[in-house]
N, C-alpha and C. Protein backbone atom coordinates (compact mmCIF):
# COMPACT_ATOMS: atom_id res chain seq x y z
N MET A 1 36.20 37.10 28.91
CA MET A 1 35.56 37.59 27.72
C MET A 1 36.15 37.13 26.51
N ALA A 2 37.57 37.13 26.46
CA ALA A 2 38.15 36.58 25.31
C ALA A 2 37.96 35.14 25.04
N GLU A 3 37.86 34.43 26.18
CA GLU A 3 37.63 32.98 26.01
C GLU A 3 36.24 32.63 25.44
N ARG A 4 35.12 33.44 25.88
CA ARG A 4 33.96 33.34 25.36
C ARG A 4 33.87 33.66 23.87
N ALA A 5 34.59 34.66 23.41
CA ALA A 5 34.59 35.10 22.05
C ALA A 5 35.27 33.95 21.18
N ARG A 6 36.23 33.18 21.71
CA ARG A 6 36.91 32.20 21.02
C ARG A 6 36.01 30.91 20.95
N ALA A 7 35.20 30.69 21.97
CA ALA A 7 34.45 29.53 22.10
C ALA A 7 33.05 29.66 21.18
N ALA A 8 32.68 30.79 20.98
CA ALA A 8 31.39 31.01 20.19
C ALA A 8 31.55 30.47 18.84
N PRO A 9 32.60 30.73 18.06
CA PRO A 9 32.77 30.13 16.76
C PRO A 9 32.79 28.53 16.81
N ALA A 10 33.53 27.93 17.78
CA ALA A 10 33.65 26.55 17.86
C ALA A 10 32.15 25.98 18.21
N MET A 11 31.47 26.64 19.02
CA MET A 11 30.13 26.14 19.42
C MET A 11 29.26 26.29 18.07
N ALA A 12 29.28 27.33 17.43
CA ALA A 12 28.44 27.51 16.18
C ALA A 12 28.90 26.51 15.21
N ALA A 13 30.18 26.09 15.06
CA ALA A 13 30.62 24.92 14.02
C ALA A 13 30.11 23.62 14.58
N ALA A 14 30.06 23.41 15.91
CA ALA A 14 29.57 22.12 16.32
C ALA A 14 28.07 21.97 16.20
N THR A 15 27.38 23.06 16.42
CA THR A 15 25.85 23.04 16.19
C THR A 15 25.53 22.82 14.69
N ALA A 16 26.38 23.50 13.82
CA ALA A 16 26.23 23.32 12.40
C ALA A 16 26.38 21.82 11.98
N LEU A 17 27.48 21.16 12.45
CA LEU A 17 27.77 19.86 12.15
C LEU A 17 26.69 18.89 12.56
N ALA A 18 26.14 19.15 13.81
CA ALA A 18 25.05 18.38 14.41
C ALA A 18 23.73 18.41 13.40
N ILE A 19 23.45 19.75 13.02
CA ILE A 19 22.32 19.89 12.16
C ILE A 19 22.54 19.23 10.77
N PHE A 20 23.70 19.41 10.18
CA PHE A 20 24.02 18.77 8.93
C PHE A 20 23.94 17.23 9.08
N GLY A 21 24.39 16.66 10.20
CA GLY A 21 24.30 15.13 10.56
C GLY A 21 22.76 14.76 10.47
N LEU A 22 21.97 15.53 11.24
CA LEU A 22 20.51 15.12 11.22
C LEU A 22 19.93 15.27 10.03
N LEU A 23 20.26 16.28 9.09
CA LEU A 23 19.68 16.40 7.74
C LEU A 23 20.17 15.20 6.97
N GLY A 24 21.37 14.85 7.15
CA GLY A 24 21.99 13.71 6.29
C GLY A 24 21.19 12.37 6.71
N ALA A 25 20.93 12.19 8.02
CA ALA A 25 20.19 11.01 8.42
C ALA A 25 18.80 10.99 7.90
N CYS A 26 18.10 12.18 7.79
CA CYS A 26 16.80 12.35 7.34
C CYS A 26 16.80 11.92 5.89
N ALA A 27 17.65 12.45 5.11
CA ALA A 27 17.78 12.21 3.66
C ALA A 27 18.06 10.76 3.41
N ASP A 28 18.93 10.11 4.19
CA ASP A 28 19.21 8.63 4.07
C ASP A 28 17.79 7.86 4.39
N GLU A 29 17.02 8.27 5.40
CA GLU A 29 15.87 7.55 5.78
C GLU A 29 14.73 7.73 4.62
N SER A 30 14.71 9.02 3.99
CA SER A 30 13.90 9.30 2.99
C SER A 30 14.25 8.49 1.58
N LYS A 31 15.51 8.35 1.41
CA LYS A 31 16.00 7.42 0.23
C LYS A 31 15.52 6.15 0.54
N LEU A 32 15.75 5.59 1.69
CA LEU A 32 15.38 4.15 1.96
C LEU A 32 13.96 3.86 1.81
N ARG A 33 13.16 4.84 2.22
CA ARG A 33 11.70 4.64 2.14
C ARG A 33 11.29 4.71 0.65
N GLU A 34 11.84 5.68 -0.10
CA GLU A 34 11.57 5.64 -1.57
C GLU A 34 11.98 4.34 -2.27
N SER A 35 13.21 3.84 -1.81
CA SER A 35 13.57 2.51 -2.43
C SER A 35 12.69 1.36 -2.07
N GLU A 36 12.30 1.38 -0.91
CA GLU A 36 11.24 0.26 -0.42
C GLU A 36 9.99 0.40 -1.20
N LEU A 37 9.57 1.73 -1.34
CA LEU A 37 8.28 1.89 -2.13
C LEU A 37 8.33 1.33 -3.60
N ILE A 38 9.52 1.64 -4.19
CA ILE A 38 9.66 1.09 -5.52
C ILE A 38 9.65 -0.43 -5.51
N GLN A 39 10.19 -1.10 -4.52
CA GLN A 39 10.32 -2.55 -4.43
C GLN A 39 8.80 -2.97 -4.30
N LEU A 40 8.01 -2.40 -3.42
CA LEU A 40 6.61 -2.70 -3.11
C LEU A 40 5.86 -2.55 -4.52
N LEU A 41 5.96 -1.51 -5.15
CA LEU A 41 5.20 -1.27 -6.37
C LEU A 41 5.54 -2.23 -7.42
N ALA A 42 6.70 -2.78 -7.44
CA ALA A 42 7.07 -3.71 -8.48
C ALA A 42 6.51 -5.13 -8.18
N LEU A 43 6.29 -5.40 -6.88
CA LEU A 43 5.76 -6.69 -6.43
C LEU A 43 4.19 -6.87 -6.62
N LEU A 44 3.61 -5.66 -6.39
CA LEU A 44 2.07 -5.66 -6.19
C LEU A 44 1.30 -6.10 -7.60
N PRO A 45 1.51 -5.54 -8.74
CA PRO A 45 0.55 -5.84 -9.84
C PRO A 45 0.66 -7.36 -10.23
N GLY A 46 -0.53 -7.75 -10.68
CA GLY A 46 -0.66 -9.15 -11.29
C GLY A 46 -2.01 -9.69 -11.11
N ARG A 47 -2.15 -10.88 -11.51
CA ARG A 47 -3.49 -11.65 -11.13
C ARG A 47 -3.32 -12.68 -10.15
N TYR A 48 -4.17 -12.59 -9.12
CA TYR A 48 -4.03 -13.42 -7.99
C TYR A 48 -5.29 -14.30 -7.78
N ASP A 49 -5.15 -15.52 -7.11
CA ASP A 49 -6.23 -16.12 -6.63
C ASP A 49 -6.04 -16.96 -5.35
N ASN A 50 -7.04 -17.26 -4.80
CA ASN A 50 -6.90 -18.12 -3.44
C ASN A 50 -7.24 -19.54 -3.53
N SER A 51 -7.02 -20.11 -4.71
CA SER A 51 -7.50 -21.49 -4.91
C SER A 51 -6.89 -22.49 -3.97
N GLU A 52 -5.56 -22.29 -3.66
CA GLU A 52 -4.99 -23.18 -2.54
C GLU A 52 -5.70 -23.12 -1.25
N GLN A 53 -5.89 -21.87 -0.87
CA GLN A 53 -6.64 -21.69 0.38
C GLN A 53 -8.06 -22.32 0.37
N ALA A 54 -8.81 -22.18 -0.77
CA ALA A 54 -10.24 -22.65 -0.95
C ALA A 54 -10.14 -24.25 -0.92
N ALA A 55 -9.08 -24.95 -1.66
CA ALA A 55 -8.88 -26.28 -1.71
C ALA A 55 -8.55 -26.76 -0.23
N SER A 56 -7.75 -26.05 0.55
CA SER A 56 -7.40 -26.50 1.89
C SER A 56 -8.55 -26.48 2.80
N ASP A 57 -9.48 -25.34 2.61
CA ASP A 57 -10.73 -25.20 3.32
C ASP A 57 -11.58 -26.45 3.07
N ALA A 58 -11.71 -26.88 1.73
CA ALA A 58 -12.63 -28.03 1.33
C ALA A 58 -12.02 -29.29 1.89
N GLY A 59 -10.75 -29.48 1.99
CA GLY A 59 -10.21 -30.64 2.39
C GLY A 59 -10.35 -30.87 3.97
N ARG A 60 -10.35 -29.75 4.68
CA ARG A 60 -10.46 -29.71 6.07
C ARG A 60 -11.99 -29.65 6.57
N GLY A 61 -12.91 -29.48 5.60
CA GLY A 61 -14.27 -29.22 6.09
C GLY A 61 -14.48 -27.90 6.78
N ALA A 62 -13.64 -26.87 6.42
CA ALA A 62 -13.71 -25.59 7.31
C ALA A 62 -15.16 -25.02 6.85
N ARG A 63 -15.80 -24.51 7.92
CA ARG A 63 -17.03 -23.70 7.94
C ARG A 63 -17.05 -22.39 8.59
N PRO A 64 -17.34 -21.38 7.85
CA PRO A 64 -17.56 -21.35 6.45
C PRO A 64 -16.28 -21.28 5.70
N PRO A 65 -16.23 -21.96 4.54
CA PRO A 65 -14.96 -21.84 3.72
C PRO A 65 -14.74 -20.45 3.12
N HIS A 66 -13.51 -20.17 2.77
CA HIS A 66 -13.36 -18.87 2.09
C HIS A 66 -13.91 -19.05 0.58
N ASP A 67 -14.42 -17.93 0.20
CA ASP A 67 -14.90 -17.96 -1.25
C ASP A 67 -13.75 -18.02 -2.18
N LEU A 68 -13.92 -18.54 -3.37
CA LEU A 68 -12.85 -18.83 -4.31
C LEU A 68 -12.78 -17.46 -5.11
N ILE A 69 -11.70 -16.68 -4.91
CA ILE A 69 -11.73 -15.28 -5.40
C ILE A 69 -10.45 -15.02 -6.33
N ALA A 70 -10.76 -14.38 -7.40
CA ALA A 70 -9.56 -13.77 -8.35
C ALA A 70 -9.51 -12.40 -7.98
N LEU A 71 -8.21 -11.90 -8.05
CA LEU A 71 -8.03 -10.53 -7.72
C LEU A 71 -7.05 -10.02 -8.80
N ILE A 72 -7.24 -8.90 -9.57
CA ILE A 72 -6.49 -8.44 -10.56
C ILE A 72 -6.13 -7.01 -10.19
N ILE A 73 -4.79 -6.70 -10.09
CA ILE A 73 -4.22 -5.45 -9.68
C ILE A 73 -3.41 -4.88 -10.83
N VAL A 74 -3.73 -3.74 -11.41
CA VAL A 74 -2.94 -3.11 -12.43
C VAL A 74 -2.61 -1.85 -12.11
N LYS A 75 -1.45 -1.35 -12.54
CA LYS A 75 -0.96 0.07 -12.46
C LYS A 75 -1.69 1.08 -13.36
N VAL A 76 -2.16 2.06 -12.92
CA VAL A 76 -2.88 3.11 -13.74
C VAL A 76 -2.25 4.45 -13.53
N TYR A 77 -2.61 5.33 -14.45
CA TYR A 77 -2.09 6.68 -14.43
C TYR A 77 -3.42 7.43 -14.20
N THR A 78 -3.38 8.05 -12.99
CA THR A 78 -4.52 8.69 -12.33
C THR A 78 -3.94 10.04 -11.78
N PRO A 79 -3.53 11.02 -12.47
CA PRO A 79 -2.85 12.17 -11.90
C PRO A 79 -3.52 13.01 -10.87
N ARG A 80 -4.81 13.00 -10.88
CA ARG A 80 -5.53 13.71 -9.82
C ARG A 80 -5.57 13.02 -8.49
N LEU A 81 -5.19 11.77 -8.36
CA LEU A 81 -5.22 11.11 -7.13
C LEU A 81 -3.82 10.91 -6.63
N GLY A 82 -2.80 11.02 -7.36
CA GLY A 82 -1.45 10.79 -7.02
C GLY A 82 -0.49 10.21 -8.10
N HIS A 83 0.60 9.85 -7.57
CA HIS A 83 1.78 9.30 -8.52
C HIS A 83 1.61 7.82 -8.67
N HIS A 84 1.32 7.12 -7.57
CA HIS A 84 1.51 5.66 -7.56
C HIS A 84 0.01 5.06 -7.38
N LEU A 85 -0.58 4.73 -8.36
CA LEU A 85 -1.93 4.26 -8.31
C LEU A 85 -2.20 2.97 -8.99
N PHE A 86 -3.11 2.17 -8.31
CA PHE A 86 -3.45 0.82 -8.95
C PHE A 86 -4.92 0.64 -8.87
N TYR A 87 -5.46 -0.07 -10.00
CA TYR A 87 -6.76 -0.42 -9.87
C TYR A 87 -6.92 -1.88 -9.51
N ALA A 88 -7.81 -2.25 -8.53
CA ALA A 88 -7.98 -3.60 -8.11
C ALA A 88 -9.32 -4.08 -8.33
N GLN A 89 -9.53 -5.18 -8.89
CA GLN A 89 -10.93 -5.80 -9.19
C GLN A 89 -10.94 -7.23 -8.50
N GLU A 90 -11.89 -7.45 -7.70
CA GLU A 90 -12.05 -8.66 -7.06
C GLU A 90 -13.37 -9.33 -7.75
N MET A 91 -13.19 -10.60 -8.15
CA MET A 91 -14.32 -11.28 -8.68
C MET A 91 -14.32 -12.81 -8.28
N ALA A 92 -15.41 -13.48 -8.62
CA ALA A 92 -15.41 -14.92 -8.35
C ALA A 92 -14.45 -15.56 -9.39
N ALA A 93 -13.63 -16.37 -8.89
CA ALA A 93 -12.61 -17.08 -9.70
C ALA A 93 -13.24 -17.97 -10.82
N ASP A 94 -14.42 -18.47 -10.55
CA ASP A 94 -15.02 -19.26 -11.52
C ASP A 94 -16.08 -18.56 -12.33
N ASP A 95 -16.18 -17.30 -12.06
CA ASP A 95 -17.25 -16.42 -12.88
C ASP A 95 -16.74 -15.11 -12.88
N PRO A 96 -15.91 -14.61 -13.91
CA PRO A 96 -15.35 -13.21 -13.82
C PRO A 96 -16.38 -12.22 -13.99
N ARG A 97 -17.59 -12.56 -14.52
CA ARG A 97 -18.70 -11.60 -14.65
C ARG A 97 -19.22 -11.16 -13.21
N ARG A 98 -18.96 -12.03 -12.20
CA ARG A 98 -19.44 -11.69 -10.77
C ARG A 98 -18.41 -10.90 -10.14
N VAL A 99 -18.54 -9.56 -10.25
CA VAL A 99 -17.59 -8.74 -9.71
C VAL A 99 -17.93 -8.45 -8.20
N MET A 100 -16.99 -8.46 -7.32
CA MET A 100 -17.32 -8.35 -5.86
C MET A 100 -16.86 -6.85 -5.33
N SER A 101 -15.78 -6.41 -5.84
CA SER A 101 -15.33 -5.10 -5.47
C SER A 101 -14.38 -4.48 -6.46
N GLN A 102 -14.37 -3.29 -6.47
CA GLN A 102 -13.40 -2.40 -7.31
C GLN A 102 -12.95 -1.25 -6.49
N LYS A 103 -11.55 -1.33 -6.36
CA LYS A 103 -10.98 -0.17 -5.64
C LYS A 103 -9.80 0.43 -6.25
N MET A 104 -9.27 1.48 -5.88
CA MET A 104 -8.02 2.16 -6.16
C MET A 104 -7.06 2.08 -4.93
N TYR A 105 -5.91 1.78 -5.28
CA TYR A 105 -4.77 1.83 -4.24
C TYR A 105 -3.75 2.86 -4.48
N SER A 106 -3.66 3.79 -3.61
CA SER A 106 -2.75 4.92 -3.80
C SER A 106 -1.57 4.92 -2.80
N PHE A 107 -0.37 4.95 -3.23
CA PHE A 107 0.71 4.77 -2.39
C PHE A 107 1.63 6.05 -2.47
N GLN A 108 2.18 6.44 -1.25
CA GLN A 108 3.02 7.64 -1.28
C GLN A 108 4.01 7.43 0.01
N VAL A 109 5.12 8.15 -0.07
CA VAL A 109 6.06 8.11 1.14
C VAL A 109 5.71 9.44 1.93
N ASP A 110 5.59 9.21 3.25
CA ASP A 110 5.30 10.30 4.20
C ASP A 110 6.69 10.40 5.08
N ASP A 111 7.19 11.54 5.27
CA ASP A 111 8.52 11.70 5.94
C ASP A 111 8.29 11.13 7.30
N LYS A 112 7.20 11.12 8.01
CA LYS A 112 7.07 10.64 9.41
C LYS A 112 6.59 9.23 9.48
N ARG A 113 5.64 8.95 8.59
CA ARG A 113 4.95 7.57 8.73
C ARG A 113 5.49 6.48 7.82
N GLY A 114 6.29 6.79 6.90
CA GLY A 114 6.79 5.82 5.84
C GLY A 114 5.90 5.73 4.75
N ILE A 115 5.75 4.46 4.22
CA ILE A 115 4.93 4.27 3.16
C ILE A 115 3.45 4.05 3.47
N VAL A 116 2.62 4.98 2.91
CA VAL A 116 1.22 5.10 3.34
C VAL A 116 0.37 4.67 2.15
N GLU A 117 -0.55 3.81 2.30
CA GLU A 117 -1.57 3.44 1.42
C GLU A 117 -2.94 3.97 1.65
N THR A 118 -3.57 4.65 0.80
CA THR A 118 -4.95 5.09 0.81
C THR A 118 -5.79 4.21 -0.08
N VAL A 119 -6.88 3.58 0.44
CA VAL A 119 -7.67 2.77 -0.40
C VAL A 119 -8.94 3.62 -0.72
N TYR A 120 -9.31 3.62 -2.13
CA TYR A 120 -10.43 4.37 -2.47
C TYR A 120 -11.50 3.49 -3.04
N GLN A 121 -12.71 3.67 -2.82
CA GLN A 121 -13.91 3.05 -3.29
C GLN A 121 -14.49 4.04 -4.41
N PHE A 122 -15.14 3.41 -5.48
CA PHE A 122 -15.79 4.16 -6.45
C PHE A 122 -17.17 4.59 -6.07
N VAL A 123 -17.50 5.79 -6.45
CA VAL A 123 -18.91 6.26 -6.08
C VAL A 123 -19.81 5.56 -7.14
N GLU A 124 -19.49 5.35 -8.45
CA GLU A 124 -20.18 4.73 -9.28
C GLU A 124 -19.39 3.56 -10.00
N PRO A 125 -19.36 2.45 -9.10
CA PRO A 125 -18.41 1.28 -9.69
C PRO A 125 -18.65 0.69 -11.02
N LEU A 126 -19.94 0.68 -11.54
CA LEU A 126 -20.13 0.17 -12.77
C LEU A 126 -19.46 0.88 -13.93
N ARG A 127 -19.22 2.19 -13.73
CA ARG A 127 -18.58 3.06 -14.63
C ARG A 127 -17.21 2.56 -14.96
N TRP A 128 -16.54 2.01 -13.89
CA TRP A 128 -15.07 1.58 -14.09
C TRP A 128 -14.91 0.16 -14.17
N ARG A 129 -15.92 -0.68 -14.19
CA ARG A 129 -15.86 -2.15 -14.19
C ARG A 129 -15.10 -2.57 -15.33
N ASP A 130 -14.23 -3.61 -14.93
CA ASP A 130 -13.42 -4.30 -16.04
C ASP A 130 -12.24 -3.29 -16.49
N GLY A 131 -11.98 -2.41 -15.62
CA GLY A 131 -11.00 -1.19 -16.07
C GLY A 131 -9.59 -1.83 -16.36
N GLN A 132 -9.27 -3.05 -15.90
CA GLN A 132 -8.00 -3.67 -16.17
C GLN A 132 -7.90 -4.01 -17.63
N ARG A 133 -8.91 -3.93 -18.32
CA ARG A 133 -8.78 -4.27 -19.80
C ARG A 133 -8.67 -2.89 -20.62
N ASN A 134 -8.78 -1.70 -19.96
CA ASN A 134 -8.66 -0.40 -20.60
C ASN A 134 -8.18 0.55 -19.39
N THR A 135 -6.89 0.46 -19.23
CA THR A 135 -6.40 1.28 -18.17
C THR A 135 -6.40 2.79 -18.47
N GLU A 136 -6.46 3.19 -19.75
CA GLU A 136 -6.45 4.67 -20.09
C GLU A 136 -7.66 5.29 -19.59
N LEU A 137 -8.74 4.45 -19.15
CA LEU A 137 -9.90 4.93 -18.59
C LEU A 137 -9.69 5.74 -17.34
N PHE A 138 -8.61 5.44 -16.62
CA PHE A 138 -8.35 5.98 -15.34
C PHE A 138 -7.74 7.33 -15.32
N THR A 139 -7.21 7.78 -16.47
CA THR A 139 -6.68 9.13 -16.55
C THR A 139 -7.75 10.18 -16.25
N SER A 140 -8.95 9.87 -16.47
CA SER A 140 -10.11 10.70 -16.27
C SER A 140 -10.72 10.72 -14.93
N VAL A 141 -10.24 9.87 -13.92
CA VAL A 141 -10.70 9.88 -12.67
C VAL A 141 -10.49 11.22 -11.79
N VAL A 142 -11.48 11.77 -11.25
CA VAL A 142 -11.37 12.95 -10.39
C VAL A 142 -11.59 12.61 -8.95
N THR A 143 -11.30 13.47 -8.00
CA THR A 143 -11.50 13.14 -6.66
C THR A 143 -13.01 12.91 -6.40
N GLU A 144 -13.99 13.43 -7.12
CA GLU A 144 -15.36 13.26 -6.82
C GLU A 144 -15.79 11.91 -7.22
N ASP A 145 -15.00 11.11 -8.03
CA ASP A 145 -15.36 9.72 -8.37
C ASP A 145 -15.10 8.75 -7.45
N VAL A 146 -14.37 9.07 -6.34
CA VAL A 146 -13.97 8.22 -5.33
C VAL A 146 -14.26 8.57 -3.87
N GLN A 147 -14.17 7.56 -2.97
CA GLN A 147 -14.25 7.97 -1.51
C GLN A 147 -13.19 7.27 -0.83
N ALA A 148 -12.43 7.90 -0.07
CA ALA A 148 -11.29 7.17 0.77
C ALA A 148 -12.00 6.39 1.75
N GLU A 149 -11.44 5.22 1.99
CA GLU A 149 -11.91 4.20 3.07
C GLU A 149 -11.28 4.92 4.31
N GLY A 150 -11.88 4.80 5.47
CA GLY A 150 -11.46 5.59 6.60
C GLY A 150 -10.10 5.32 7.14
N CYS A 151 -9.51 4.08 6.93
CA CYS A 151 -8.28 3.70 7.56
C CYS A 151 -7.16 3.62 6.63
N GLN A 152 -6.17 4.39 6.66
CA GLN A 152 -4.94 4.28 5.72
C GLN A 152 -4.21 3.16 6.32
N LEU A 153 -3.30 2.66 5.39
CA LEU A 153 -2.41 1.47 5.89
C LEU A 153 -0.93 1.98 5.85
N LEU A 154 -0.19 1.54 6.79
CA LEU A 154 1.20 1.94 6.89
C LEU A 154 2.00 0.63 6.57
N TRP A 155 2.86 0.63 5.44
CA TRP A 155 3.63 -0.47 5.02
C TRP A 155 5.01 -0.35 5.54
N LYS A 156 5.50 -1.46 5.95
CA LYS A 156 6.92 -1.63 6.49
C LYS A 156 7.46 -2.79 5.91
N LYS A 157 8.84 -2.74 5.56
CA LYS A 157 9.49 -3.86 5.05
C LYS A 157 10.06 -4.70 6.14
N SER A 158 9.85 -6.07 6.01
CA SER A 158 10.41 -6.92 7.03
C SER A 158 11.02 -8.11 6.32
N GLY A 159 12.29 -8.14 6.32
CA GLY A 159 12.99 -9.16 5.38
C GLY A 159 12.60 -8.88 3.98
N GLU A 160 12.04 -9.98 3.38
CA GLU A 160 11.73 -10.08 1.98
C GLU A 160 10.27 -9.75 1.69
N ARG A 161 9.54 -9.34 2.78
CA ARG A 161 8.09 -9.04 2.60
C ARG A 161 7.78 -7.74 3.20
N PHE A 162 6.61 -7.24 2.86
CA PHE A 162 6.07 -6.03 3.35
C PHE A 162 4.75 -6.34 4.24
N ILE A 163 4.70 -5.66 5.34
CA ILE A 163 3.50 -5.89 6.19
C ILE A 163 2.83 -4.41 6.29
N ALA A 164 1.44 -4.58 6.18
CA ALA A 164 0.67 -3.24 6.32
C ALA A 164 -0.24 -3.38 7.61
N THR A 165 -0.11 -2.41 8.38
CA THR A 165 -1.16 -2.20 9.46
C THR A 165 -1.87 -0.87 9.46
N HIS A 166 -3.01 -0.81 10.14
CA HIS A 166 -3.66 0.45 10.10
C HIS A 166 -2.92 1.54 10.81
N ASP A 167 -3.17 2.73 10.35
CA ASP A 167 -2.55 3.93 10.93
C ASP A 167 -3.25 4.25 12.18
N PRO A 168 -2.69 4.01 13.36
CA PRO A 168 -3.55 4.37 14.51
C PRO A 168 -3.81 5.84 14.80
N GLY A 169 -3.17 6.62 14.10
CA GLY A 169 -3.60 8.08 14.10
C GLY A 169 -4.90 8.42 13.35
N VAL A 170 -5.12 7.60 12.37
CA VAL A 170 -6.41 7.73 11.65
C VAL A 170 -7.42 6.82 12.27
N CYS A 171 -7.01 5.58 12.62
CA CYS A 171 -8.02 4.59 13.19
C CYS A 171 -7.65 4.37 14.73
N PRO A 172 -7.98 5.18 15.57
CA PRO A 172 -7.44 4.96 17.02
C PRO A 172 -8.11 3.80 17.66
N ASP A 173 -9.31 3.19 17.14
CA ASP A 173 -9.87 2.03 17.81
C ASP A 173 -9.14 0.75 17.13
N ALA A 174 -8.61 0.90 16.03
CA ALA A 174 -7.99 -0.24 15.34
C ALA A 174 -6.81 -0.78 15.96
N PRO A 175 -6.63 -1.98 16.19
CA PRO A 175 -5.48 -2.51 16.71
C PRO A 175 -4.23 -2.30 15.88
N GLY A 176 -3.34 -1.30 16.02
CA GLY A 176 -2.40 -0.89 15.21
C GLY A 176 -1.30 -2.01 14.86
N ALA A 177 -1.12 -2.88 15.76
CA ALA A 177 -0.11 -3.90 15.46
C ALA A 177 -0.62 -4.99 14.68
N ALA A 178 -1.88 -5.23 14.46
CA ALA A 178 -2.42 -6.35 13.77
C ALA A 178 -2.28 -6.13 12.19
N PRO A 179 -1.56 -7.06 11.54
CA PRO A 179 -1.43 -6.91 10.02
C PRO A 179 -2.71 -6.99 9.36
N GLN A 180 -2.86 -6.01 8.45
CA GLN A 180 -4.13 -6.07 7.66
C GLN A 180 -3.82 -6.55 6.19
N ALA A 181 -2.55 -6.61 5.76
CA ALA A 181 -2.07 -7.14 4.54
C ALA A 181 -0.55 -7.47 4.64
N GLU A 182 -0.12 -8.40 3.74
CA GLU A 182 1.20 -8.80 3.66
C GLU A 182 1.43 -9.01 2.20
N LEU A 183 2.67 -8.72 1.70
CA LEU A 183 3.01 -8.89 0.23
C LEU A 183 4.46 -9.36 0.27
N ALA A 184 4.67 -10.45 -0.48
CA ALA A 184 5.99 -10.97 -0.91
C ALA A 184 5.94 -11.43 -2.22
N ALA A 185 7.04 -11.90 -2.72
CA ALA A 185 7.05 -12.29 -4.28
C ALA A 185 6.06 -13.39 -4.44
N GLY A 186 5.01 -13.03 -5.30
CA GLY A 186 4.15 -13.97 -5.68
C GLY A 186 2.97 -14.42 -4.63
N VAL A 187 3.00 -13.63 -3.56
CA VAL A 187 2.03 -13.92 -2.40
C VAL A 187 1.36 -12.60 -1.90
N LEU A 188 0.14 -12.58 -1.73
CA LEU A 188 -0.55 -11.41 -1.06
C LEU A 188 -1.64 -11.94 -0.16
N SER A 189 -1.58 -11.33 1.00
CA SER A 189 -2.60 -11.74 1.97
C SER A 189 -3.40 -10.36 2.27
N ILE A 190 -4.69 -10.41 2.36
CA ILE A 190 -5.53 -9.28 2.53
C ILE A 190 -6.53 -9.85 3.61
N GLY A 191 -6.49 -9.35 4.83
CA GLY A 191 -7.34 -9.86 5.94
C GLY A 191 -7.03 -11.30 6.14
N ASP A 192 -7.99 -12.21 6.06
CA ASP A 192 -7.61 -13.66 6.27
C ASP A 192 -7.61 -14.37 4.94
N TYR A 193 -7.63 -13.65 3.76
CA TYR A 193 -7.59 -14.28 2.47
C TYR A 193 -6.09 -14.28 2.02
N LYS A 194 -5.67 -15.48 1.49
CA LYS A 194 -4.28 -15.72 1.08
C LYS A 194 -4.16 -15.91 -0.42
N PHE A 195 -3.72 -15.01 -1.14
CA PHE A 195 -3.65 -15.15 -2.60
C PHE A 195 -2.42 -15.41 -3.07
N ARG A 196 -2.18 -16.16 -4.18
CA ARG A 196 -1.02 -16.46 -4.95
C ARG A 196 -1.03 -15.86 -6.27
N LYS A 197 -0.11 -15.36 -6.63
CA LYS A 197 0.04 -14.74 -8.10
C LYS A 197 -0.04 -15.79 -9.14
N THR A 198 -0.98 -15.66 -9.99
CA THR A 198 -0.91 -16.61 -11.15
C THR A 198 -0.34 -16.06 -12.44
N ARG A 199 -0.26 -14.80 -12.54
CA ARG A 199 0.58 -14.29 -13.66
C ARG A 199 0.78 -12.76 -13.38
């Protein structure tokens, strides 16, 4: 009985140490994810185009060739959608008046899934067109102005680049291991389009 009484405090101390160890590991993991998010957010904004890819397609006679696209990504302040938001406008590289898509990219760190991106489409795209010229416009965006695309992206750092795959929990039919996007210094791939940063 006395031995049990002496063992109880030692067991409690060992349990407490194990719990503190787990909490410390979780805190370290969370700090790492936050640090990686900051790196990703610093790399992303800019003006991109796929002129190298389009020229390569033309040289090889690829059919169908990739369209010549310019993509502008700017950081915006949109408090109703989150803390880390970007406006992305895709247009013909040789005719910026021909806008092909306008989206919002929202990033956050999830304790279990890591860096999560939600892509939003605008309900009324014309209202936000050329928003990269007037980013203050996006302070008025509310949740009713956008619709989330069905599949969130999970970003992971791999060496000096970031790779995004569909979240299999949200998209059970999507091949979770297939990269949907990649980002490195000056380079962005979305699907099979390969963009280079021009500024």
